[in-house]
Amino acid sequence: MRKVVWMLCTAAVLATSTGCLIPLYSGDPIRRAQQLIYTSEDLRAITDEWERIWFLDQPSHMTPWRTHGGIL
Protein backbone atom coordinates (compact mmCIF):
# COMPACT_ATOMS: atom_id res chain seq x y z
CA MET A 1 0.00 0.00 0.00
CA ARG A 2 2.86 2.35 0.81
CA LYS A 3 4.39 1.83 -2.62
CA VAL A 4 1.13 2.83 -4.29
CA VAL A 5 0.84 5.99 -2.18
CA TRP A 6 4.47 6.92 -2.86
CA MET A 7 4.02 6.33 -6.58
CA LEU A 8 0.86 8.47 -6.64
CA CYS A 9 2.57 11.28 -4.72
CA THR A 10 5.58 11.15 -7.02
CA ALA A 11 3.38 11.15 -10.11
CA ALA A 12 1.40 14.13 -8.78
CA VAL A 13 4.56 16.11 -8.06
CA LEU A 14 6.09 15.32 -11.45
CA ALA A 15 2.86 16.05 -13.32
CA THR A 16 2.30 19.44 -11.72
CA SER A 17 5.86 20.74 -11.92
CA THR A 18 6.99 22.37 -15.12
CA GLY A 19 10.76 22.41 -15.11
CA CYS A 20 12.12 23.51 -11.78
CA LEU A 21 10.41 24.14 -8.44
CA ILE A 22 12.09 27.56 -8.19
CA PRO A 23 11.55 29.66 -11.32
CA LEU A 24 14.74 30.66 -13.10
CA TYR A 25 13.46 33.94 -14.55
CA SER A 26 11.31 36.73 -13.17
CA GLY A 27 7.54 36.84 -13.63
CA ASP A 28 7.67 40.43 -14.88
CA PRO A 29 7.80 40.32 -18.72
CA ILE A 30 10.15 43.30 -19.06
CA ARG A 31 12.62 42.00 -16.50
CA ARG A 32 12.34 38.44 -17.89
CA ALA A 33 13.24 39.70 -21.39
CA GLN A 34 16.27 41.50 -19.95
CA GLN A 35 17.37 38.34 -18.12
CA LEU A 36 16.98 36.24 -21.29
CA ILE A 37 19.07 38.72 -23.28
CA TYR A 38 21.83 38.61 -20.66
CA THR A 39 21.76 34.80 -20.66
CA SER A 40 21.94 34.51 -24.44
CA GLU A 41 24.80 37.02 -24.60
CA ASP A 42 26.74 34.96 -22.04
CA LEU A 43 26.25 31.79 -24.10
CA ARG A 44 27.33 33.58 -27.27
CA ALA A 45 30.48 34.81 -25.54
CA ILE A 46 31.41 31.24 -24.58
CA THR A 47 31.84 30.20 -28.22
CA ASP A 48 33.96 33.28 -28.97
CA GLU A 49 36.15 32.50 -25.97
CA TRP A 50 36.47 28.84 -27.05
CA GLU A 51 37.61 29.88 -30.55
CA ARG A 52 40.11 32.32 -29.07
CA ILE A 53 41.60 29.68 -26.74
CA TRP A 54 42.04 27.10 -29.53
CA PHE A 55 43.24 29.75 -32.03
CA LEU A 56 40.29 29.08 -34.33
CA ASP A 57 39.68 32.79 -34.86
CA GLN A 58 42.98 33.26 -36.73
CA PRO A 59 42.97 33.65 -40.51
CA SER A 60 43.68 30.49 -42.48
CA HIS A 61 46.84 30.52 -44.62
CA MET A 62 45.95 27.33 -46.42
CA THR A 63 45.02 27.55 -50.08
CA PRO A 64 41.44 26.71 -51.01
CA TRP A 65 42.73 24.55 -53.93
CA ARG A 66 44.59 21.27 -53.71
CA THR A 67 48.23 21.47 -54.65
CA HIS A 68 50.33 18.58 -55.98
CA GLY A 69 53.36 19.18 -53.78
CA GLY A 70 55.68 17.09 -55.95
CA ILE A 71 57.89 17.83 -58.92
CA LEU A 72 55.94 18.01 -62.18
PDB file of N, CA and C in Angstrom:
ATOM      1  N   MET A   1       0.820  -1.193   0.000  1.00  0.00           N
ATOM      2  CA  MET A   1       0.000   0.000   0.000  1.00  0.00           C
ATOM      3  C   MET A   1       0.869   1.264   0.000  1.00  0.00           C
ATOM      4  N   ARG A   2       1.978   1.189   0.736  1.00  0.00           N
ATOM      5  CA  ARG A   2       2.861   2.352   0.805  1.00  0.00           C
ATOM      6  C   ARG A   2       3.473   2.668  -0.558  1.00  0.00           C
ATOM      7  N   LYS A   3       3.808   1.617  -1.299  1.00  0.00           N
ATOM      8  CA  LYS A   3       4.389   1.832  -2.625  1.00  0.00           C
ATOM      9  C   LYS A   3       3.406   2.556  -3.535  1.00  0.00           C
ATOM     10  N   VAL A   4       2.142   2.201  -3.447  1.00  0.00           N
ATOM     11  CA  VAL A   4       1.132   2.833  -4.293  1.00  0.00           C
ATOM     12  C   VAL A   4       0.981   4.300  -3.922  1.00  0.00           C
ATOM     13  N   VAL A   5       0.969   4.607  -2.634  1.00  0.00           N
ATOM     14  CA  VAL A   5       0.844   5.988  -2.176  1.00  0.00           C
ATOM     15  C   VAL A   5       2.066   6.791  -2.606  1.00  0.00           C
ATOM     16  N   TRP A   6       3.257   6.221  -2.445  1.00  0.00           N
ATOM     17  CA  TRP A   6       4.473   6.916  -2.864  1.00  0.00           C
ATOM     18  C   TRP A   6       4.483   7.150  -4.368  1.00  0.00           C
ATOM     19  N   MET A   7       4.052   6.174  -5.135  1.00  0.00           N
ATOM     20  CA  MET A   7       4.016   6.330  -6.585  1.00  0.00           C
ATOM     21  C   MET A   7       3.008   7.391  -6.999  1.00  0.00           C
ATOM     22  N   LEU A   8       1.852   7.449  -6.338  1.00  0.00           N
ATOM     23  CA  LEU A   8       0.855   8.474  -6.637  1.00  0.00           C
ATOM     24  C   LEU A   8       1.357   9.866  -6.270  1.00  0.00           C
ATOM     25  N   CYS A   9       2.012   9.979  -5.119  1.00  0.00           N
ATOM     26  CA  CYS A   9       2.567  11.281  -4.720  1.00  0.00           C
ATOM     27  C   CYS A   9       3.664  11.729  -5.687  1.00  0.00           C
ATOM     28  N   THR A  10       4.526  10.819  -6.073  1.00  0.00           N
ATOM     29  CA  THR A  10       5.584  11.148  -7.021  1.00  0.00           C
ATOM     30  C   THR A  10       5.017  11.547  -8.368  1.00  0.00           C
ATOM     31  N   ALA A  11       4.009  10.815  -8.838  1.00  0.00           N
ATOM     32  CA  ALA A  11       3.378  11.146 -10.112  1.00  0.00           C
ATOM     33  C   ALA A  11       2.697  12.508 -10.044  1.00  0.00           C
ATOM     34  N   ALA A  12       2.065  12.831  -8.919  1.00  0.00           N
ATOM     35  CA  ALA A  12       1.401  14.128  -8.780  1.00  0.00           C
ATOM     36  C   ALA A  12       2.416  15.260  -8.780  1.00  0.00           C
ATOM     37  N   VAL A  13       3.535  15.076  -8.092  1.00  0.00           N
ATOM     38  CA  VAL A  13       4.562  16.114  -8.059  1.00  0.00           C
ATOM     39  C   VAL A  13       5.177  16.303  -9.443  1.00  0.00           C
ATOM     40  N   LEU A  14       5.481  15.220 -10.125  1.00  0.00           N
ATOM     41  CA  LEU A  14       6.091  15.317 -11.452  1.00  0.00           C
ATOM     42  C   LEU A  14       5.122  15.865 -12.494  1.00  0.00           C
ATOM     43  N   ALA A  15       3.835  15.569 -12.343  1.00  0.00           N
ATOM     44  CA  ALA A  15       2.859  16.047 -13.319  1.00  0.00           C
ATOM     45  C   ALA A  15       2.564  17.535 -13.164  1.00  0.00           C
ATOM     46  N   THR A  16       2.638  18.035 -11.938  1.00  0.00           N
ATOM     47  CA  THR A  16       2.296  19.439 -11.716  1.00  0.00           C
ATOM     48  C   THR A  16       3.479  20.370 -11.882  1.00  0.00           C
ATOM     49  N   SER A  17       4.692  19.859 -11.796  1.00  0.00           N
ATOM     50  CA  SER A  17       5.857  20.744 -11.915  1.00  0.00           C
ATOM     51  C   SER A  17       6.232  20.895 -13.387  1.00  0.00           C
ATOM     52  N   THR A  18       6.535  22.109 -13.758  1.00  0.00           N
ATOM     53  CA  THR A  18       6.994  22.372 -15.120  1.00  0.00           C
ATOM     54  C   THR A  18       8.417  22.885 -15.027  1.00  0.00           C
ATOM     55  N   GLY A  19       9.369  22.013 -15.188  1.00  0.00           N
ATOM     56  CA  GLY A  19      10.763  22.412 -15.110  1.00  0.00           C
ATOM     57  C   GLY A  19      11.286  22.320 -13.702  1.00  0.00           C
ATOM     58  N   CYS A  20      11.503  23.448 -13.090  1.00  0.00           N
ATOM     59  CA  CYS A  20      12.124  23.508 -11.775  1.00  0.00           C
ATOM     60  C   CYS A  20      11.104  24.003 -10.744  1.00  0.00           C
ATOM     61  N   LEU A  21      11.322  23.669  -9.483  1.00  0.00           N
ATOM     62  CA  LEU A  21      10.415  24.135  -8.438  1.00  0.00           C
ATOM     63  C   LEU A  21      10.586  25.634  -8.198  1.00  0.00           C
ATOM     64  N   ILE A  22      11.818  26.128  -8.337  1.00  0.00           N
ATOM     65  CA  ILE A  22      12.087  27.556  -8.185  1.00  0.00           C
ATOM     66  C   ILE A  22      12.250  28.138  -9.582  1.00  0.00           C
ATOM     67  N   PRO A  23      11.441  29.130  -9.963  1.00  0.00           N
ATOM     68  CA  PRO A  23      11.545  29.658 -11.322  1.00  0.00           C
ATOM     69  C   PRO A  23      12.887  30.333 -11.568  1.00  0.00           C
ATOM     70  N   LEU A  24      13.432  30.122 -12.761  1.00  0.00           N
ATOM     71  CA  LEU A  24      14.742  30.659 -13.099  1.00  0.00           C
ATOM     72  C   LEU A  24      14.673  32.136 -13.439  1.00  0.00           C
ATOM     73  N   TYR A  25      13.594  32.556 -14.109  1.00  0.00           N
ATOM     74  CA  TYR A  25      13.458  33.939 -14.552  1.00  0.00           C
ATOM     75  C   TYR A  25      12.307  34.624 -13.822  1.00  0.00           C
ATOM     76  N   SER A  26      12.310  35.928 -13.861  1.00  0.00           N
ATOM     77  CA  SER A  26      11.310  36.734 -13.168  1.00  0.00           C
ATOM     78  C   SER A  26       9.939  36.579 -13.822  1.00  0.00           C
ATOM     79  N   GLY A  27       8.892  36.881 -13.088  1.00  0.00           N
ATOM     80  CA  GLY A  27       7.541  36.837 -13.633  1.00  0.00           C
ATOM     81  C   GLY A  27       7.187  38.094 -14.410  1.00  0.00           C
ATOM     82  N   ASP A  28       7.904  39.183 -14.171  1.00  0.00           N
ATOM     83  CA  ASP A  28       7.666  40.432 -14.883  1.00  0.00           C
ATOM     84  C   ASP A  28       8.199  40.301 -16.311  1.00  0.00           C
ATOM     85  N   PRO A  29       7.356  40.527 -17.342  1.00  0.00           N
ATOM     86  CA  PRO A  29       7.797  40.318 -18.725  1.00  0.00           C
ATOM     87  C   PRO A  29       8.991  41.182 -19.140  1.00  0.00           C
ATOM     88  N   ILE A  30       9.052  42.411 -18.679  1.00  0.00           N
ATOM     89  CA  ILE A  30      10.154  43.295 -19.062  1.00  0.00           C
ATOM     90  C   ILE A  30      11.463  42.807 -18.442  1.00  0.00           C
ATOM     91  N   ARG A  31      11.402  42.494 -17.168  1.00  0.00           N
ATOM     92  CA  ARG A  31      12.616  42.001 -16.498  1.00  0.00           C
ATOM     93  C   ARG A  31      13.024  40.629 -17.021  1.00  0.00           C
ATOM     94  N   ARG A  32      12.046  39.768 -17.344  1.00  0.00           N
ATOM     95  CA  ARG A  32      12.342  38.445 -17.888  1.00  0.00           C
ATOM     96  C   ARG A  32      13.043  38.565 -19.241  1.00  0.00           C
ATOM     97  N   ALA A  33      12.589  39.492 -20.092  1.00  0.00           N
ATOM     98  CA  ALA A  33      13.239  39.702 -21.386  1.00  0.00           C
ATOM     99  C   ALA A  33      14.681  40.154 -21.196  1.00  0.00           C
ATOM    100  N   GLN A  34      14.911  41.034 -20.235  1.00  0.00           N
ATOM    101  CA  GLN A  34      16.271  41.496 -19.950  1.00  0.00           C
ATOM    102  C   GLN A  34      17.142  40.334 -19.470  1.00  0.00           C
ATOM    103  N   GLN A  35      16.613  39.482 -18.612  1.00  0.00           N
ATOM    104  CA  GLN A  35      17.368  38.338 -18.122  1.00  0.00           C
ATOM    105  C   GLN A  35      17.682  37.360 -19.253  1.00  0.00           C
ATOM    106  N   LEU A  36      16.736  37.142 -20.162  1.00  0.00           N
ATOM    107  CA  LEU A  36      16.976  36.237 -21.286  1.00  0.00           C
ATOM    108  C   LEU A  36      18.040  36.791 -22.227  1.00  0.00           C
ATOM    109  N   ILE A  37      18.042  38.101 -22.437  1.00  0.00           N
ATOM    110  CA  ILE A  37      19.072  38.715 -23.282  1.00  0.00           C
ATOM    111  C   ILE A  37      20.444  38.541 -22.646  1.00  0.00           C
ATOM    112  N   TYR A  38      20.541  38.776 -21.338  1.00  0.00           N
ATOM    113  CA  TYR A  38      21.827  38.605 -20.661  1.00  0.00           C
ATOM    114  C   TYR A  38      22.302  37.162 -20.749  1.00  0.00           C
ATOM    115  N   THR A  39      21.392  36.208 -20.597  1.00  0.00           N
ATOM    116  CA  THR A  39      21.756  34.798 -20.656  1.00  0.00           C
ATOM    117  C   THR A  39      22.236  34.425 -22.044  1.00  0.00           C
ATOM    118  N   SER A  40      21.536  34.869 -23.082  1.00  0.00           N
ATOM    119  CA  SER A  40      21.938  34.509 -24.438  1.00  0.00           C
ATOM    120  C   SER A  40      23.265  35.172 -24.806  1.00  0.00           C
ATOM    121  N   GLU A  41      23.521  36.372 -24.320  1.00  0.00           N
ATOM    122  CA  GLU A  41      24.802  37.022 -24.600  1.00  0.00           C
ATOM    123  C   GLU A  41      25.945  36.267 -23.924  1.00  0.00           C
ATOM    124  N   ASP A  42      25.702  35.744 -22.722  1.00  0.00           N
ATOM    125  CA  ASP A  42      26.739  34.964 -22.042  1.00  0.00           C
ATOM    126  C   ASP A  42      27.047  33.698 -22.823  1.00  0.00           C
ATOM    127  N   LEU A  43      26.027  33.016 -23.342  1.00  0.00           N
ATOM    128  CA  LEU A  43      26.254  31.793 -24.095  1.00  0.00           C
ATOM    129  C   LEU A  43      26.958  32.084 -25.412  1.00  0.00           C
ATOM    130  N   ARG A  44      26.663  33.219 -26.032  1.00  0.00           N
ATOM    131  CA  ARG A  44      27.332  33.576 -27.274  1.00  0.00           C
ATOM    132  C   ARG A  44      28.805  33.888 -27.009  1.00  0.00           C
ATOM    133  N   ALA A  45      29.105  34.480 -25.870  1.00  0.00           N
ATOM    134  CA  ALA A  45      30.484  34.809 -25.537  1.00  0.00           C
ATOM    135  C   ALA A  45      31.311  33.555 -25.271  1.00  0.00           C
ATOM    136  N   ILE A  46      30.672  32.477 -24.848  1.00  0.00           N
ATOM    137  CA  ILE A  46      31.405  31.239 -24.579  1.00  0.00           C
ATOM    138  C   ILE A  46      32.026  30.702 -25.862  1.00  0.00           C
ATOM    139  N   THR A  47      31.294  30.711 -26.965  1.00  0.00           N
ATOM    140  CA  THR A  47      31.844  30.198 -28.221  1.00  0.00           C
ATOM    141  C   THR A  47      32.974  31.084 -28.723  1.00  0.00           C
ATOM    142  N   ASP A  48      32.862  32.393 -28.565  1.00  0.00           N
ATOM    143  CA  ASP A  48      33.960  33.283 -28.966  1.00  0.00           C
ATOM    144  C   ASP A  48      35.209  33.007 -28.137  1.00  0.00           C
ATOM    145  N   GLU A  49      35.019  32.788 -26.848  1.00  0.00           N
ATOM    146  CA  GLU A  49      36.155  32.499 -25.970  1.00  0.00           C
ATOM    147  C   GLU A  49      36.795  31.160 -26.346  1.00  0.00           C
ATOM    148  N   TRP A  50      35.964  30.164 -26.665  1.00  0.00           N
ATOM    149  CA  TRP A  50      36.473  28.843 -27.051  1.00  0.00           C
ATOM    150  C   TRP A  50      37.312  28.953 -28.327  1.00  0.00           C
ATOM    151  N   GLU A  51      36.844  29.705 -29.310  1.00  0.00           N
ATOM    152  CA  GLU A  51      37.608  29.881 -30.548  1.00  0.00           C
ATOM    153  C   GLU A  51      38.908  30.628 -30.295  1.00  0.00           C
ATOM    154  N   ARG A  52      38.896  31.576 -29.382  1.00  0.00           N
ATOM    155  CA  ARG A  52      40.111  32.322 -29.075  1.00  0.00           C
ATOM    156  C   ARG A  52      41.131  31.425 -28.378  1.00  0.00           C
ATOM    157  N   ILE A  53      40.687  30.566 -27.476  1.00  0.00           N
ATOM    158  CA  ILE A  53      41.599  29.680 -26.740  1.00  0.00           C
ATOM    159  C   ILE A  53      42.271  28.693 -27.695  1.00  0.00           C
ATOM    160  N   TRP A  54      41.506  28.102 -28.612  1.00  0.00           N
ATOM    161  CA  TRP A  54      42.039  27.096 -29.530  1.00  0.00           C
ATOM    162  C   TRP A  54      42.576  27.711 -30.824  1.00  0.00           C
ATOM    163  N   PHE A  55      42.713  29.033 -30.876  1.00  0.00           N
ATOM    164  CA  PHE A  55      43.245  29.754 -32.032  1.00  0.00           C
ATOM    165  C   PHE A  55      42.447  29.474 -33.306  1.00  0.00           C
ATOM    166  N   LEU A  56      41.138  29.310 -33.175  1.00  0.00           N
ATOM    167  CA  LEU A  56      40.291  29.085 -34.333  1.00  0.00           C
ATOM    168  C   LEU A  56      39.854  30.385 -34.978  1.00  0.00           C
ATOM    169  N   ASP A  57      40.100  31.513 -34.314  1.00  0.00           N
ATOM    170  CA  ASP A  57      39.682  32.791 -34.859  1.00  0.00           C
ATOM    171  C   ASP A  57      40.765  33.428 -35.729  1.00  0.00           C
ATOM    172  N   GLN A  58      41.887  32.734 -35.916  1.00  0.00           N
ATOM    173  CA  GLN A  58      42.977  33.261 -36.728  1.00  0.00           C
ATOM    174  C   GLN A  58      42.661  33.039 -38.211  1.00  0.00           C
ATOM    175  N   PRO A  59      43.202  33.875 -39.080  1.00  0.00           N
ATOM    176  CA  PRO A  59      42.966  33.645 -40.509  1.00  0.00           C
ATOM    177  C   PRO A  59      43.695  32.398 -40.994  1.00  0.00           C
ATOM    178  N   SER A  60      43.091  31.708 -41.940  1.00  0.00           N
ATOM    179  CA  SER A  60      43.682  30.494 -42.480  1.00  0.00           C
ATOM    180  C   SER A  60      44.651  30.856 -43.609  1.00  0.00           C
ATOM    181  N   HIS A  61      45.848  30.275 -43.573  1.00  0.00           N
ATOM    182  CA  HIS A  61      46.836  30.525 -44.615  1.00  0.00           C
ATOM    183  C   HIS A  61      46.883  29.383 -45.624  1.00  0.00           C
ATOM    184  N   MET A  62      45.979  28.441 -45.485  1.00  0.00           N
ATOM    185  CA  MET A  62      45.946  27.326 -46.417  1.00  0.00           C
ATOM    186  C   MET A  62      45.239  27.755 -47.700  1.00  0.00           C
ATOM    187  N   THR A  63      45.653  27.198 -48.803  1.00  0.00           N
ATOM    188  CA  THR A  63      45.024  27.546 -50.078  1.00  0.00           C
ATOM    189  C   THR A  63      43.696  26.803 -50.211  1.00  0.00           C
ATOM    190  N   PRO A  64      42.711  27.400 -50.848  1.00  0.00           N
ATOM    191  CA  PRO A  64      41.436  26.706 -51.013  1.00  0.00           C
ATOM    192  C   PRO A  64      41.499  25.631 -52.089  1.00  0.00           C
ATOM    193  N   TRP A  65      42.608  25.549 -52.872  1.00  0.00           N
ATOM    194  CA  TRP A  65      42.732  24.552 -53.925  1.00  0.00           C
ATOM    195  C   TRP A  65      43.772  23.525 -53.526  1.00  0.00           C
ATOM    196  N   ARG A  66      43.601  22.317 -53.979  1.00  0.00           N
ATOM    197  CA  ARG A  66      44.588  21.270 -53.709  1.00  0.00           C
ATOM    198  C   ARG A  66      45.840  21.521 -54.541  1.00  0.00           C
ATOM    199  N   THR A  67      46.983  21.327 -53.933  1.00  0.00           N
ATOM    200  CA  THR A  67      48.234  21.466 -54.652  1.00  0.00           C
ATOM    201  C   THR A  67      48.902  20.102 -54.728  1.00  0.00           C
ATOM    202  N   HIS A  68      49.703  19.878 -55.775  1.00  0.00           N
ATOM    203  CA  HIS A  68      50.328  18.577 -55.977  1.00  0.00           C
ATOM    204  C   HIS A  68      51.429  18.337 -54.947  1.00  0.00           C
ATOM    205  N   GLY A  69      52.304  19.289 -54.766  1.00  0.00           N
ATOM    206  CA  GLY A  69      53.358  19.179 -53.784  1.00  0.00           C
ATOM    207  C   GLY A  69      54.599  18.467 -54.280  1.00  0.00           C
ATOM    208  N   GLY A  70      54.513  17.799 -55.412  1.00  0.00           N
ATOM    209  CA  GLY A  70      55.679  17.093 -55.945  1.00  0.00           C
ATOM    210  C   GLY A  70      56.252  17.826 -57.146  1.00  0.00           C
ATOM    211  N   ILE A  71      57.265  17.235 -57.737  1.00  0.00           N
ATOM    212  CA  ILE A  71      57.886  17.829 -58.922  1.00  0.00           C
ATOM    213  C   ILE A  71      57.090  17.396 -60.153  1.00  0.00           C
ATOM    214  N   LEU A  72      56.710  18.338 -60.971  1.00  0.00           N
ATOM    215  CA  LEU A  72      55.943  18.012 -62.181  1.00  0.00           C
ATOM    216  C   LEU A  72      56.823  17.950 -63.388  1.00  0.00           C
TER     217      LEU A  72
END
